[in-house]
Amino acid sequence: MRPALRDLVRETELSVHDLVYPMFVNENLNSPREIPSMPGVSAFPLSEIGEEAKAANDLGIPAVLLFGIPKTKDARGSGAWAEDGITQRAIREIRSRSDVLIIADLCLCEYTDHGHCGVVHDDVVDNDSTLELYGLTAISQAEAGADIIAPSGMMDGQVKVIRESLDDAGFEHVPIMSYAAKYASAFYGPFRDAAESTPRSGDRRTHQMDPGNAREAFREMRLDVEEGADILMVKPALPYLDIIREARCTFDLPIAAYNVSGEYAMLKAAAANGWIDHDRAMMEALLSIKRAGADIIITYFAKEAAKLLGAK
């Protein structure tokens, strides 16, 4: 088959407009620091986060997903909703340099000294006490200029509380991208190094989903839709393509998929050893996520993929 004919009948096309670039801003840094387990990915100081976001946007990438790492942490994660918090300052810095869409991740794990996603009582995350803090954080991020709020803590009722908090504060127009089906996955390890958010004790299986459960994912998604979510996310992406496909067939909302750090690191390691063709494997993996039904692909490959897509 001639290449032009193959292109003519191709069923799925990957576009730079599908991509979201995750970014880490670290208050402890004075210069970019590469993450050892994620070759090619760096955490940035506040002084350089705006330029990095602009560089991504200049490649055609429409949005960034922002994670903040503060200098100081406490039991409640109070830096998450501080007006001068690292994420809030980074949002303003990015906005001053670019029109890129800013998606603010909303969780407390980077901000708590114990590394869990909320308030801990008797070694257990207290769901209801945590929700109030999520509401405060959402308002603070919106006031700083975030375009989308993305709650990732998997607390029951988080979308409802965040929606009500944003509406009451006059941010009815700010949408919520919910980490609706977030699995307790083995593929998050490199991210926790980057975000400095590994729990000091225990794990997050109490509030993240069992990898063996599919029906539960759709119960979680339906609840988030009822509570006011505007975008539903599946995380991770590649081990859960079946969940992405079923979500696309079930819900009318946009579906996002997070091509997480372990998926990225695994491909990078194989390519570094000469076992696979890096660019072909990267683009095939991203295309599979799009083919499964994702409208939005959050990926650390965003800049590399954008360059290849721009070269077509």
C-alpha atoms as a PDB file:
ATOM      1  CA  MET A   1       0.000   0.000   0.000  1.00  0.00           C
ATOM      2  CA  ARG A   2       1.344   3.422  -0.938  1.00  0.00           C
ATOM      3  CA  PRO A   3       1.975   5.708   2.095  1.00  0.00           C
ATOM      4  CA  ALA A   4      -0.474   8.318   0.811  1.00  0.00           C
ATOM      5  CA  LEU A   5      -3.262   5.725   0.615  1.00  0.00           C
ATOM      6  CA  ARG A   6      -2.432   4.433   4.080  1.00  0.00           C
ATOM      7  CA  ASP A   7      -2.614   7.999   5.418  1.00  0.00           C
ATOM      8  CA  LEU A   8      -5.927   8.562   3.648  1.00  0.00           C
ATOM      9  CA  VAL A   9      -7.666   5.656   5.382  1.00  0.00           C
ATOM     10  CA  ARG A  10      -6.042   5.982   8.819  1.00  0.00           C
ATOM     11  CA  GLU A  11      -8.718   5.792  11.508  1.00  0.00           C
ATOM     12  CA  THR A  12      -6.927   7.547  14.373  1.00  0.00           C
ATOM     13  CA  GLU A  13      -4.675  10.604  14.226  1.00  0.00           C
ATOM     14  CA  LEU A  14      -2.575  11.926  17.093  1.00  0.00           C
ATOM     15  CA  SER A  15      -2.318  15.706  17.294  1.00  0.00           C
ATOM     16  CA  VAL A  16      -0.193  18.071  19.350  1.00  0.00           C
ATOM     17  CA  HIS A  17      -3.506  19.567  20.476  1.00  0.00           C
ATOM     18  CA  ASP A  18      -4.237  16.325  22.360  1.00  0.00           C
ATOM     19  CA  LEU A  19      -1.229  16.756  24.649  1.00  0.00           C
ATOM     20  CA  VAL A  20      -0.765  18.144  28.157  1.00  0.00           C
ATOM     21  CA  TYR A  21       2.739  18.643  29.554  1.00  0.00           C
ATOM     22  CA  PRO A  22       3.183  17.867  33.291  1.00  0.00           C
ATOM     23  CA  MET A  23       5.577  20.234  35.075  1.00  0.00           C
ATOM     24  CA  PHE A  24       7.222  20.314  38.507  1.00  0.00           C
ATOM     25  CA  VAL A  25       8.072  23.604  40.208  1.00  0.00           C
ATOM     26  CA  ASN A  26      10.265  23.131  43.276  1.00  0.00           C
ATOM     27  CA  GLU A  27      10.746  25.911  45.809  1.00  0.00           C
ATOM     28  CA  ASN A  28      14.015  24.333  46.975  1.00  0.00           C
ATOM     29  CA  LEU A  29      15.787  24.716  43.622  1.00  0.00           C
ATOM     30  CA  ASN A  30      17.863  27.505  42.125  1.00  0.00           C
ATOM     31  CA  SER A  31      18.360  25.746  38.789  1.00  0.00           C
ATOM     32  CA  PRO A  32      16.634  22.888  36.924  1.00  0.00           C
ATOM     33  CA  ARG A  33      17.279  19.428  38.348  1.00  0.00           C
ATOM     34  CA  GLU A  34      16.831  16.333  36.203  1.00  0.00           C
ATOM     35  CA  ILE A  35      14.867  13.536  37.840  1.00  0.00           C
ATOM     36  CA  PRO A  36      17.170  10.477  37.757  1.00  0.00           C
ATOM     37  CA  SER A  37      14.358   7.977  37.243  1.00  0.00           C
ATOM     38  CA  MET A  38      12.821  10.111  34.457  1.00  0.00           C
ATOM     39  CA  PRO A  39      15.584  10.937  31.935  1.00  0.00           C
ATOM     40  CA  GLY A  40      14.802  14.163  30.116  1.00  0.00           C
ATOM     41  CA  VAL A  41      12.350  15.416  32.764  1.00  0.00           C
ATOM     42  CA  SER A  42      13.391  18.106  35.224  1.00  0.00           C
ATOM     43  CA  ALA A  43      11.973  19.942  38.180  1.00  0.00           C
ATOM     44  CA  PHE A  44      12.280  23.710  37.781  1.00  0.00           C
ATOM     45  CA  PRO A  45      12.819  26.644  40.107  1.00  0.00           C
ATOM     46  CA  LEU A  46      10.188  29.351  40.165  1.00  0.00           C
ATOM     47  CA  SER A  47      12.452  31.635  38.133  1.00  0.00           C
ATOM     48  CA  GLU A  48      12.432  29.245  35.146  1.00  0.00           C
ATOM     49  CA  ILE A  49       8.992  27.630  35.262  1.00  0.00           C
ATOM     50  CA  GLY A  50       7.403  30.352  33.133  1.00  0.00           C
ATOM     51  CA  GLU A  51       9.956  30.013  30.365  1.00  0.00           C
ATOM     52  CA  GLU A  52       9.596  26.209  30.339  1.00  0.00           C
ATOM     53  CA  ALA A  53       5.812  26.492  30.035  1.00  0.00           C
ATOM     54  CA  LYS A  54       6.223  28.998  27.214  1.00  0.00           C
ATOM     55  CA  ALA A  55       8.638  26.660  25.417  1.00  0.00           C
ATOM     56  CA  ALA A  56       6.022  23.906  25.550  1.00  0.00           C
ATOM     57  CA  ASN A  57       3.307  26.228  24.295  1.00  0.00           C
ATOM     58  CA  ASP A  58       5.551  27.441  21.473  1.00  0.00           C
ATOM     59  CA  LEU A  59       5.669  23.809  20.282  1.00  0.00           C
ATOM     60  CA  GLY A  60       1.873  23.874  20.016  1.00  0.00           C
ATOM     61  CA  ILE A  61       1.123  22.120  23.327  1.00  0.00           C
ATOM     62  CA  PRO A  62      -2.053  23.787  24.577  1.00  0.00           C
ATOM     63  CA  ALA A  63      -1.847  23.048  28.320  1.00  0.00           C
ATOM     64  CA  VAL A  64       0.444  22.262  31.223  1.00  0.00           C
ATOM     65  CA  LEU A  65      -0.367  20.327  34.396  1.00  0.00           C
ATOM     66  CA  LEU A  66       1.402  21.960  37.343  1.00  0.00           C
ATOM     67  CA  PHE A  67       2.732  20.267  40.479  1.00  0.00           C
ATOM     68  CA  GLY A  68       4.296  22.326  43.261  1.00  0.00           C
ATOM     69  CA  ILE A  69       6.911  21.205  45.784  1.00  0.00           C
ATOM     70  CA  PRO A  70       7.195  23.582  48.760  1.00  0.00           C
ATOM     71  CA  LYS A  71      10.204  24.400  50.909  1.00  0.00           C
ATOM     72  CA  THR A  72       8.374  23.650  54.153  1.00  0.00           C
ATOM     73  CA  LYS A  73       5.696  21.074  54.951  1.00  0.00           C
ATOM     74  CA  ASP A  74       3.324  20.481  57.853  1.00  0.00           C
ATOM     75  CA  ALA A  75       0.709  17.989  58.982  1.00  0.00           C
ATOM     76  CA  ARG A  76      -2.175  19.779  57.232  1.00  0.00           C
ATOM     77  CA  GLY A  77      -0.345  20.734  54.049  1.00  0.00           C
ATOM     78  CA  SER A  78      -1.126  24.418  54.579  1.00  0.00           C
ATOM     79  CA  GLY A  79       1.208  25.532  51.805  1.00  0.00           C
ATOM     80  CA  ALA A  80      -1.285  24.106  49.299  1.00  0.00           C
ATOM     81  CA  TRP A  81      -3.734  26.988  49.778  1.00  0.00           C
ATOM     82  CA  ALA A  82      -1.330  29.785  50.774  1.00  0.00           C
ATOM     83  CA  GLU A  83      -1.616  32.914  48.636  1.00  0.00           C
ATOM     84  CA  ASP A  84       2.165  32.933  48.302  1.00  0.00           C
ATOM     85  CA  GLY A  85       2.446  29.145  47.949  1.00  0.00           C
ATOM     86  CA  ILE A  86       4.792  27.746  45.343  1.00  0.00           C
ATOM     87  CA  THR A  87       1.981  26.609  43.031  1.00  0.00           C
ATOM     88  CA  GLN A  88       0.179  29.951  43.270  1.00  0.00           C
ATOM     89  CA  ARG A  89       3.345  31.892  42.490  1.00  0.00           C
ATOM     90  CA  ALA A  90       4.158  29.517  39.635  1.00  0.00           C
ATOM     91  CA  ILE A  91       0.698  29.997  38.130  1.00  0.00           C
ATOM     92  CA  ARG A  92       1.200  33.761  38.142  1.00  0.00           C
ATOM     93  CA  GLU A  93       4.700  33.411  36.690  1.00  0.00           C
ATOM     94  CA  ILE A  94       3.503  31.171  33.858  1.00  0.00           C
ATOM     95  CA  ARG A  95       0.568  33.463  33.132  1.00  0.00           C
ATOM     96  CA  SER A  96       2.902  36.463  32.866  1.00  0.00           C
ATOM     97  CA  ARG A  97       4.865  34.756  30.079  1.00  0.00           C
ATOM     98  CA  SER A  98       2.349  32.697  28.105  1.00  0.00           C
ATOM     99  CA  ASP A  99      -1.308  32.116  27.278  1.00  0.00           C
ATOM    100  CA  VAL A 100      -0.902  28.362  27.801  1.00  0.00           C
ATOM    101  CA  LEU A 101      -3.767  26.723  29.684  1.00  0.00           C
ATOM    102  CA  ILE A 102      -2.748  26.073  33.285  1.00  0.00           C
ATOM    103  CA  ILE A 103      -4.167  22.971  34.951  1.00  0.00           C
ATOM    104  CA  ALA A 104      -3.452  22.998  38.679  1.00  0.00           C
ATOM    105  CA  ASP A 105      -3.117  19.610  40.331  1.00  0.00           C
ATOM    106  CA  LEU A 106      -4.941  19.680  43.643  1.00  0.00           C
ATOM    107  CA  CYS A 107      -3.683  17.351  46.347  1.00  0.00           C
ATOM    108  CA  LEU A 108      -1.946  17.722  49.699  1.00  0.00           C
ATOM    109  CA  CYS A 109       0.646  14.935  49.394  1.00  0.00           C
ATOM    110  CA  GLU A 110       3.418  17.293  48.224  1.00  0.00           C
ATOM    111  CA  TYR A 111       2.642  19.664  51.099  1.00  0.00           C
ATOM    112  CA  THR A 112       2.192  17.342  54.079  1.00  0.00           C
ATOM    113  CA  ASP A 113       5.127  16.225  56.205  1.00  0.00           C
ATOM    114  CA  HIS A 114       3.710  12.682  56.261  1.00  0.00           C
ATOM    115  CA  GLY A 115       3.253  12.459  52.470  1.00  0.00           C
ATOM    116  CA  HIS A 116      -0.408  11.475  52.468  1.00  0.00           C
ATOM    117  CA  CYS A 117      -3.140  13.174  50.437  1.00  0.00           C
ATOM    118  CA  GLY A 118      -4.998  14.678  53.385  1.00  0.00           C
ATOM    119  CA  VAL A 119      -5.345  15.090  57.119  1.00  0.00           C
ATOM    120  CA  VAL A 120      -4.197  12.002  59.023  1.00  0.00           C
ATOM    121  CA  HIS A 121      -5.835  10.908  62.285  1.00  0.00           C
ATOM    122  CA  ASP A 122      -4.663   7.714  63.993  1.00  0.00           C
ATOM    123  CA  ASP A 123      -2.651   6.737  60.894  1.00  0.00           C
ATOM    124  CA  VAL A 124      -5.750   6.988  58.662  1.00  0.00           C
ATOM    125  CA  VAL A 125      -6.520   9.723  56.121  1.00  0.00           C
ATOM    126  CA  ASP A 126      -9.605  11.568  57.387  1.00  0.00           C
ATOM    127  CA  ASN A 127     -11.736  12.038  54.282  1.00  0.00           C
ATOM    128  CA  ASP A 128     -14.164  14.658  55.623  1.00  0.00           C
ATOM    129  CA  SER A 129     -11.527  16.833  57.317  1.00  0.00           C
ATOM    130  CA  THR A 130      -9.543  16.814  54.102  1.00  0.00           C
ATOM    131  CA  LEU A 131     -12.413  18.028  51.914  1.00  0.00           C
ATOM    132  CA  GLU A 132     -12.519  21.462  53.543  1.00  0.00           C
ATOM    133  CA  LEU A 133      -8.814  21.935  52.764  1.00  0.00           C
ATOM    134  CA  TYR A 134      -9.380  20.897  49.162  1.00  0.00           C
ATOM    135  CA  GLY A 135     -12.000  23.615  48.872  1.00  0.00           C
ATOM    136  CA  LEU A 136      -9.591  26.232  50.213  1.00  0.00           C
ATOM    137  CA  THR A 137      -6.877  25.049  47.825  1.00  0.00           C
ATOM    138  CA  ALA A 138      -9.165  25.181  44.788  1.00  0.00           C
ATOM    139  CA  ILE A 139     -10.147  28.775  45.531  1.00  0.00           C
ATOM    140  CA  SER A 140      -6.524  29.774  46.055  1.00  0.00           C
ATOM    141  CA  GLN A 141      -5.442  28.188  42.770  1.00  0.00           C
ATOM    142  CA  ALA A 142      -8.303  29.839  40.873  1.00  0.00           C
ATOM    143  CA  GLU A 143      -7.501  33.222  42.414  1.00  0.00           C
ATOM    144  CA  ALA A 144      -3.904  32.801  41.226  1.00  0.00           C
ATOM    145  CA  GLY A 145      -5.152  32.278  37.662  1.00  0.00           C
ATOM    146  CA  ALA A 146      -5.479  28.528  37.118  1.00  0.00           C
ATOM    147  CA  ASP A 147      -7.698  27.692  34.144  1.00  0.00           C
ATOM    148  CA  ILE A 148      -8.634  24.176  35.328  1.00  0.00           C
ATOM    149  CA  ILE A 149      -8.561  22.551  38.762  1.00  0.00           C
ATOM    150  CA  ALA A 150      -7.537  18.887  38.801  1.00  0.00           C
ATOM    151  CA  PRO A 151      -8.194  17.153  42.142  1.00  0.00           C
ATOM    152  CA  SER A 152      -6.089  13.996  42.421  1.00  0.00           C
ATOM    153  CA  GLY A 153      -6.527  12.982  46.053  1.00  0.00           C
ATOM    154  CA  MET A 154      -9.393  10.516  45.465  1.00  0.00           C
ATOM    155  CA  MET A 155     -11.316  11.657  48.546  1.00  0.00           C
ATOM    156  CA  ASP A 156     -15.022  10.780  48.477  1.00  0.00           C
ATOM    157  CA  GLY A 157     -17.058  13.888  47.661  1.00  0.00           C
ATOM    158  CA  GLN A 158     -14.071  15.993  46.578  1.00  0.00           C
ATOM    159  CA  VAL A 159     -15.581  17.162  43.287  1.00  0.00           C
ATOM    160  CA  LYS A 160     -18.799  18.313  44.985  1.00  0.00           C
ATOM    161  CA  VAL A 161     -16.935  20.310  47.643  1.00  0.00           C
ATOM    162  CA  ILE A 162     -14.559  21.861  45.113  1.00  0.00           C
ATOM    163  CA  ARG A 163     -17.389  22.771  42.742  1.00  0.00           C
ATOM    164  CA  GLU A 164     -19.371  24.406  45.546  1.00  0.00           C
ATOM    165  CA  SER A 165     -16.297  26.213  46.855  1.00  0.00           C
ATOM    166  CA  LEU A 166     -15.384  27.583  43.432  1.00  0.00           C
ATOM    167  CA  ASP A 167     -18.961  28.657  42.718  1.00  0.00           C
ATOM    168  CA  ASP A 168     -19.339  30.393  46.090  1.00  0.00           C
ATOM    169  CA  ALA A 169     -16.085  32.287  45.463  1.00  0.00           C
ATOM    170  CA  GLY A 170     -17.221  33.497  42.039  1.00  0.00           C
ATOM    171  CA  PHE A 171     -15.282  30.970  39.934  1.00  0.00           C
ATOM    172  CA  GLU A 172     -18.255  29.252  38.304  1.00  0.00           C
ATOM    173  CA  HIS A 173     -16.396  29.341  34.985  1.00  0.00           C
ATOM    174  CA  VAL A 174     -13.395  27.308  36.214  1.00  0.00           C
ATOM    175  CA  PRO A 175     -13.808  23.655  35.165  1.00  0.00           C
ATOM    176  CA  ILE A 176     -12.783  20.572  37.131  1.00  0.00           C
ATOM    177  CA  MET A 177     -10.695  17.783  35.638  1.00  0.00           C
ATOM    178  CA  SER A 178     -11.303  14.910  38.021  1.00  0.00           C
ATOM    179  CA  TYR A 179      -8.842  12.083  38.580  1.00  0.00           C
ATOM    180  CA  ALA A 180     -11.966   9.960  38.533  1.00  0.00           C
ATOM    181  CA  ALA A 181     -10.418   6.499  38.089  1.00  0.00           C
ATOM    182  CA  LYS A 182      -7.016   6.671  39.764  1.00  0.00           C
ATOM    183  CA  TYR A 183      -5.592   3.247  40.454  1.00  0.00           C
ATOM    184  CA  ALA A 184      -3.198   2.212  43.248  1.00  0.00           C
ATOM    185  CA  SER A 185      -0.519   1.553  40.670  1.00  0.00           C
ATOM    186  CA  ALA A 186       3.087   0.354  40.676  1.00  0.00           C
ATOM    187  CA  PHE A 187       3.786   2.860  37.884  1.00  0.00           C
ATOM    188  CA  TYR A 188       3.915   5.986  40.101  1.00  0.00           C
ATOM    189  CA  GLY A 189       7.364   5.478  41.622  1.00  0.00           C
ATOM    190  CA  PRO A 190       9.374   8.010  39.574  1.00  0.00           C
ATOM    191  CA  PHE A 191       6.691  10.679  40.097  1.00  0.00           C
ATOM    192  CA  ARG A 192       6.987  10.370  43.856  1.00  0.00           C
ATOM    193  CA  ASP A 193      10.712  11.011  43.540  1.00  0.00           C
ATOM    194  CA  ALA A 194       9.993  14.114  41.461  1.00  0.00           C
ATOM    195  CA  ALA A 195       7.221  15.441  43.700  1.00  0.00           C
ATOM    196  CA  GLU A 196       8.955  14.417  46.951  1.00  0.00           C
ATOM    197  CA  SER A 197       5.662  12.893  48.068  1.00  0.00           C
ATOM    198  CA  THR A 198       6.418   9.306  49.066  1.00  0.00           C
ATOM    199  CA  PRO A 199       4.393   8.518  52.226  1.00  0.00           C
ATOM    200  CA  ARG A 200       6.518   8.157  55.357  1.00  0.00           C
ATOM    201  CA  SER A 201       4.381   5.203  56.401  1.00  0.00           C
ATOM    202  CA  GLY A 202       1.611   3.108  54.892  1.00  0.00           C
ATOM    203  CA  ASP A 203       0.370   3.591  51.356  1.00  0.00           C
ATOM    204  CA  ARG A 204      -2.542   5.073  49.395  1.00  0.00           C
ATOM    205  CA  ARG A 205      -4.511   1.922  48.734  1.00  0.00           C
ATOM    206  CA  THR A 206      -7.241   3.057  51.132  1.00  0.00           C
ATOM    207  CA  HIS A 207      -8.311   5.794  48.715  1.00  0.00           C
ATOM    208  CA  GLN A 208      -6.937   4.700  45.340  1.00  0.00           C
ATOM    209  CA  MET A 209      -8.550   1.972  43.291  1.00  0.00           C
ATOM    210  CA  ASP A 210      -7.730  -1.732  43.213  1.00  0.00           C
ATOM    211  CA  PRO A 211      -6.142  -2.541  39.814  1.00  0.00           C
ATOM    212  CA  GLY A 212      -8.474  -5.525  39.490  1.00  0.00           C
ATOM    213  CA  ASN A 213     -11.634  -3.418  39.574  1.00  0.00           C
ATOM    214  CA  ALA A 214     -13.370  -2.050  36.486  1.00  0.00           C
ATOM    215  CA  ARG A 215     -17.003  -1.709  37.582  1.00  0.00           C
ATOM    216  CA  GLU A 216     -15.869   0.358  40.557  1.00  0.00           C
ATOM    217  CA  ALA A 217     -14.190   2.812  38.173  1.00  0.00           C
ATOM    218  CA  PHE A 218     -17.503   3.584  36.544  1.00  0.00           C
ATOM    219  CA  ARG A 219     -19.224   4.026  39.895  1.00  0.00           C
ATOM    220  CA  GLU A 220     -16.529   6.553  40.763  1.00  0.00           C
ATOM    221  CA  MET A 221     -16.893   8.309  37.420  1.00  0.00           C
ATOM    222  CA  ARG A 222     -20.682   8.530  37.687  1.00  0.00           C
ATOM    223  CA  LEU A 223     -20.381  10.054  41.145  1.00  0.00           C
ATOM    224  CA  ASP A 224     -17.931  12.649  39.847  1.00  0.00           C
ATOM    225  CA  VAL A 225     -20.236  13.504  36.943  1.00  0.00           C
ATOM    226  CA  GLU A 226     -23.124  13.956  39.377  1.00  0.00           C
ATOM    227  CA  GLU A 227     -20.937  16.157  41.596  1.00  0.00           C
ATOM    228  CA  GLY A 228     -19.995  18.479  38.737  1.00  0.00           C
ATOM    229  CA  ALA A 229     -16.850  17.184  37.029  1.00  0.00           C
ATOM    230  CA  ASP A 230     -16.234  18.622  33.567  1.00  0.00           C
ATOM    231  CA  ILE A 231     -13.466  16.214  32.461  1.00  0.00           C
ATOM    232  CA  LEU A 232     -12.903  12.636  33.636  1.00  0.00           C
ATOM    233  CA  MET A 233      -9.401  11.204  33.927  1.00  0.00           C
ATOM    234  CA  VAL A 234      -8.117   7.636  33.931  1.00  0.00           C
ATOM    235  CA  LYS A 235      -4.708   7.104  35.565  1.00  0.00           C
ATOM    236  CA  PRO A 236      -2.443   5.323  34.586  1.00  0.00           C
ATOM    237  CA  ALA A 237      -3.098   5.072  30.859  1.00  0.00           C
ATOM    238  CA  LEU A 238      -1.425   2.100  29.184  1.00  0.00           C
ATOM    239  CA  PRO A 239      -2.358  -0.613  31.739  1.00  0.00           C
ATOM    240  CA  TYR A 240      -5.939   0.709  31.725  1.00  0.00           C
ATOM    241  CA  LEU A 241      -6.763   1.171  28.038  1.00  0.00           C
ATOM    242  CA  ASP A 242      -9.886  -0.928  28.593  1.00  0.00           C
ATOM    243  CA  ILE A 243     -11.105   1.577  31.190  1.00  0.00           C
ATOM    244  CA  ILE A 244     -10.413   4.478  28.829  1.00  0.00           C
ATOM    245  CA  ARG A 245     -12.367   2.780  26.035  1.00  0.00           C
ATOM    246  CA  GLU A 246     -15.347   1.995  28.243  1.00  0.00           C
ATOM    247  CA  ALA A 247     -15.322   5.522  29.692  1.00  0.00           C
ATOM    248  CA  ARG A 248     -15.398   6.975  26.172  1.00  0.00           C
ATOM    249  CA  CYS A 249     -18.393   4.767  25.319  1.00  0.00           C
ATOM    250  CA  THR A 250     -20.229   5.543  28.568  1.00  0.00           C
ATOM    251  CA  PHE A 251     -19.827   9.275  29.202  1.00  0.00           C
ATOM    252  CA  ASP A 252     -20.328  12.353  27.037  1.00  0.00           C
ATOM    253  CA  LEU A 253     -17.678  14.353  28.896  1.00  0.00           C
ATOM    254  CA  PRO A 254     -14.102  14.710  27.622  1.00  0.00           C
ATOM    255  CA  ILE A 255     -11.885  11.824  28.719  1.00  0.00           C
ATOM    256  CA  ALA A 256      -8.309  12.444  29.842  1.00  0.00           C
ATOM    257  CA  ALA A 257      -5.649   9.784  30.349  1.00  0.00           C
ATOM    258  CA  TYR A 258      -2.409  10.183  32.297  1.00  0.00           C
ATOM    259  CA  ASN A 259       0.589   8.450  30.687  1.00  0.00           C
ATOM    260  CA  VAL A 260       2.354   8.273  34.048  1.00  0.00           C
ATOM    261  CA  SER A 261       5.972   8.418  35.155  1.00  0.00           C
ATOM    262  CA  GLY A 262       6.551   4.665  35.297  1.00  0.00           C
ATOM    263  CA  GLU A 263       5.242   4.224  31.762  1.00  0.00           C
ATOM    264  CA  TYR A 264       7.617   6.967  30.637  1.00  0.00           C
ATOM    265  CA  ALA A 265      10.620   5.592  32.556  1.00  0.00           C
ATOM    266  CA  MET A 266      10.040   2.052  31.278  1.00  0.00           C
ATOM    267  CA  LEU A 267      10.129   3.132  27.630  1.00  0.00           C
ATOM    268  CA  LYS A 268      13.142   5.382  28.219  1.00  0.00           C
ATOM    269  CA  ALA A 269      15.076   2.546  29.863  1.00  0.00           C
ATOM    270  CA  ALA A 270      14.323   0.114  27.050  1.00  0.00           C
ATOM    271  CA  ALA A 271      15.346   2.673  24.441  1.00  0.00           C
ATOM    272  CA  ALA A 272      18.553   3.517  26.302  1.00  0.00           C
ATOM    273  CA  ASN A 273      19.488  -0.165  26.169  1.00  0.00           C
ATOM    274  CA  GLY A 274      18.837  -0.288  22.439  1.00  0.00           C
ATOM    275  CA  TRP A 275      15.955  -2.721  22.812  1.00  0.00           C
ATOM    276  CA  ILE A 276      13.329  -0.560  21.079  1.00  0.00           C
ATOM    277  CA  ASP A 277      13.163   2.406  18.733  1.00  0.00           C
ATOM    278  CA  HIS A 278      12.426   5.300  21.086  1.00  0.00           C
ATOM    279  CA  ASP A 279      10.453   7.576  18.788  1.00  0.00           C
ATOM    280  CA  ARG A 280       8.399   4.834  17.164  1.00  0.00           C
ATOM    281  CA  ALA A 281       7.543   3.252  20.514  1.00  0.00           C
ATOM    282  CA  MET A 282       6.663   6.626  22.036  1.00  0.00           C
ATOM    283  CA  MET A 283       4.326   7.592  19.224  1.00  0.00           C
ATOM    284  CA  GLU A 284       2.744   4.124  19.109  1.00  0.00           C
ATOM    285  CA  ALA A 285       2.050   4.247  22.849  1.00  0.00           C
ATOM    286  CA  LEU A 286       0.487   7.709  22.634  1.00  0.00           C
ATOM    287  CA  LEU A 287      -1.550   6.706  19.575  1.00  0.00           C
ATOM    288  CA  SER A 288      -2.904   3.692  21.455  1.00  0.00           C
ATOM    289  CA  ILE A 289      -4.162   5.981  24.220  1.00  0.00           C
ATOM    290  CA  LYS A 290      -5.870   8.192  21.645  1.00  0.00           C
ATOM    291  CA  ARG A 291      -7.302   5.154  19.835  1.00  0.00           C
ATOM    292  CA  ALA A 292      -8.726   3.823  23.106  1.00  0.00           C
ATOM    293  CA  GLY A 293     -10.776   7.015  23.354  1.00  0.00           C
ATOM    294  CA  ALA A 294      -8.816   9.655  25.251  1.00  0.00           C
ATOM    295  CA  ASP A 295      -9.453  13.234  24.155  1.00  0.00           C
ATOM    296  CA  ILE A 296      -6.633  14.559  26.347  1.00  0.00           C
ATOM    297  CA  ILE A 297      -3.278  12.825  26.899  1.00  0.00           C
ATOM    298  CA  ILE A 298      -1.162  13.966  29.842  1.00  0.00           C
ATOM    299  CA  THR A 299       2.364  12.802  29.111  1.00  0.00           C
ATOM    300  CA  TYR A 300       5.999  13.532  29.934  1.00  0.00           C
ATOM    301  CA  PHE A 301       6.666  12.809  26.266  1.00  0.00           C
ATOM    302  CA  ALA A 302       4.660  15.908  25.285  1.00  0.00           C
ATOM    303  CA  LYS A 303       7.553  18.053  24.065  1.00  0.00           C
ATOM    304  CA  GLU A 304       9.280  15.208  22.213  1.00  0.00           C
ATOM    305  CA  ALA A 305       6.031  14.115  20.606  1.00  0.00           C
ATOM    306  CA  ALA A 306       5.137  17.686  19.679  1.00  0.00           C
ATOM    307  CA  LYS A 307       8.408  18.092  17.809  1.00  0.00           C
ATOM    308  CA  LEU A 308       7.755  14.940  15.777  1.00  0.00           C
ATOM    309  CA  LEU A 309       4.150  15.900  15.098  1.00  0.00           C
ATOM    310  CA  GLY A 310       5.259  19.360  14.022  1.00  0.00           C
ATOM    311  CA  ALA A 311       7.743  17.833  11.626  1.00  0.00           C
ATOM    312  CA  LYS A 312       5.031  15.932   9.713  1.00  0.00           C
END
